[in-house]
Amino acid sequence: MRYKVTGGSDGVSGLDVGTKRYDAGDEVELTAKQAEWLLEQGYVESVDAKTSKAKTVVEELTVEEETEL
């Protein structure tokens, strides 16, 4: 599965997978077992739509009219 390196809590942490280095913003191919703790700790996020845990947030906006005094 494909994951995006988030950089962790400081936003600059990278990953070493095999002999290759992946920095924040890079995409990396990982197995579910490899990605498990990285997901839990916030170092990667899924880019596969079907496995993404991202939630869509819909915010309702209201408009208030100003009244003249």
C-alpha atoms as a PDB file:
ATOM      1  CA  MET A   1       0.000   0.000   0.000  1.00  0.00           C
ATOM      2  CA  ARG A   2       1.091   3.572  -0.633  1.00  0.00           C
ATOM      3  CA  TYR A   3       1.702   6.011   2.195  1.00  0.00           C
ATOM      4  CA  LYS A   4       2.760   9.626   2.427  1.00  0.00           C
ATOM      5  CA  VAL A   5       5.509  10.479   4.912  1.00  0.00           C
ATOM      6  CA  THR A   6       4.083  13.177   7.198  1.00  0.00           C
ATOM      7  CA  GLY A   7       7.269  14.047   9.037  1.00  0.00           C
ATOM      8  CA  GLY A   8       5.957  12.993  12.442  1.00  0.00           C
ATOM      9  CA  SER A   9       5.238  15.410  15.273  1.00  0.00           C
ATOM     10  CA  ASP A  10       8.011  17.799  14.254  1.00  0.00           C
ATOM     11  CA  GLY A  11       7.109  17.648  10.567  1.00  0.00           C
ATOM     12  CA  VAL A  12      10.653  16.935   9.387  1.00  0.00           C
ATOM     13  CA  SER A  13      11.242  13.293  10.316  1.00  0.00           C
ATOM     14  CA  GLY A  14      11.878  10.863   7.480  1.00  0.00           C
ATOM     15  CA  LEU A  15      11.984   7.098   7.017  1.00  0.00           C
ATOM     16  CA  ASP A  16      14.680   4.699   5.921  1.00  0.00           C
ATOM     17  CA  VAL A  17      13.193   1.712   4.089  1.00  0.00           C
ATOM     18  CA  GLY A  18      15.801  -0.748   2.912  1.00  0.00           C
ATOM     19  CA  THR A  19      18.568   1.371   1.418  1.00  0.00           C
ATOM     20  CA  LYS A  20      16.331   4.309   0.450  1.00  0.00           C
ATOM     21  CA  ARG A  21      15.496   7.459   2.419  1.00  0.00           C
ATOM     22  CA  TYR A  22      12.001   9.017   2.316  1.00  0.00           C
ATOM     23  CA  ASP A  23      11.548  12.549   3.641  1.00  0.00           C
ATOM     24  CA  ALA A  24       8.374  14.384   4.678  1.00  0.00           C
ATOM     25  CA  GLY A  25       6.055  14.688   1.669  1.00  0.00           C
ATOM     26  CA  ASP A  26       7.486  11.653  -0.152  1.00  0.00           C
ATOM     27  CA  GLU A  27       5.338   8.635  -0.998  1.00  0.00           C
ATOM     28  CA  VAL A  28       6.504   5.178   0.006  1.00  0.00           C
ATOM     29  CA  GLU A  29       5.269   1.625  -0.594  1.00  0.00           C
ATOM     30  CA  LEU A  30       4.915  -0.302   2.689  1.00  0.00           C
ATOM     31  CA  THR A  31       3.280  -3.518   3.823  1.00  0.00           C
ATOM     32  CA  ALA A  32       0.498  -3.264   6.391  1.00  0.00           C
ATOM     33  CA  LYS A  33       2.840  -4.740   9.004  1.00  0.00           C
ATOM     34  CA  GLN A  34       5.578  -2.186   8.222  1.00  0.00           C
ATOM     35  CA  ALA A  35       3.121   0.708   8.315  1.00  0.00           C
ATOM     36  CA  GLU A  36       1.193  -0.254  11.459  1.00  0.00           C
ATOM     37  CA  TRP A  37       3.280   1.550  14.087  1.00  0.00           C
ATOM     38  CA  LEU A  38       4.197   4.346  11.665  1.00  0.00           C
ATOM     39  CA  LEU A  39       0.475   5.088  11.201  1.00  0.00           C
ATOM     40  CA  GLU A  40      -0.169   4.910  14.944  1.00  0.00           C
ATOM     41  CA  GLN A  41       2.680   7.342  15.665  1.00  0.00           C
ATOM     42  CA  GLY A  42       1.716   9.725  12.858  1.00  0.00           C
ATOM     43  CA  TYR A  43       4.794   9.269  10.663  1.00  0.00           C
ATOM     44  CA  VAL A  44       2.773   8.202   7.599  1.00  0.00           C
ATOM     45  CA  GLU A  45      -0.770   8.527   6.276  1.00  0.00           C
ATOM     46  CA  SER A  46      -2.472   6.358   3.696  1.00  0.00           C
ATOM     47  CA  VAL A  47      -2.823   7.708   0.167  1.00  0.00           C
ATOM     48  CA  ASP A  48      -4.965   4.767  -0.955  1.00  0.00           C
ATOM     49  CA  ALA A  49      -8.554   6.036  -0.911  1.00  0.00           C
ATOM     50  CA  LYS A  50     -10.001   2.678   0.101  1.00  0.00           C
ATOM     51  CA  THR A  51      -7.721   2.340   3.143  1.00  0.00           C
ATOM     52  CA  SER A  52      -7.538   5.960   4.219  1.00  0.00           C
ATOM     53  CA  LYS A  53      -8.759   6.753   7.705  1.00  0.00           C
ATOM     54  CA  ALA A  54      -9.185  10.399   6.815  1.00  0.00           C
ATOM     55  CA  LYS A  55     -12.599  11.834   7.487  1.00  0.00           C
ATOM     56  CA  THR A  56     -14.333  14.445   5.419  1.00  0.00           C
ATOM     57  CA  VAL A  57     -15.400  17.379   7.517  1.00  0.00           C
ATOM     58  CA  VAL A  58     -18.280  19.489   6.333  1.00  0.00           C
ATOM     59  CA  GLU A  59     -18.751  22.782   8.083  1.00  0.00           C
ATOM     60  CA  GLU A  60     -22.022  24.605   7.769  1.00  0.00           C
ATOM     61  CA  LEU A  61     -21.683  28.345   7.418  1.00  0.00           C
ATOM     62  CA  THR A  62     -24.349  30.830   8.359  1.00  0.00           C
ATOM     63  CA  VAL A  63     -24.597  34.397   7.187  1.00  0.00           C
ATOM     64  CA  GLU A  64     -26.002  37.043   9.462  1.00  0.00           C
ATOM     65  CA  GLU A  65     -27.330  40.212   7.909  1.00  0.00           C
ATOM     66  CA  GLU A  66     -26.220  43.470   9.421  1.00  0.00           C
ATOM     67  CA  THR A  67     -28.949  45.834  10.447  1.00  0.00           C
ATOM     68  CA  GLU A  68     -28.497  49.576  10.381  1.00  0.00           C
ATOM     69  CA  LEU A  69     -29.282  51.488  13.530  1.00  0.00           C
END
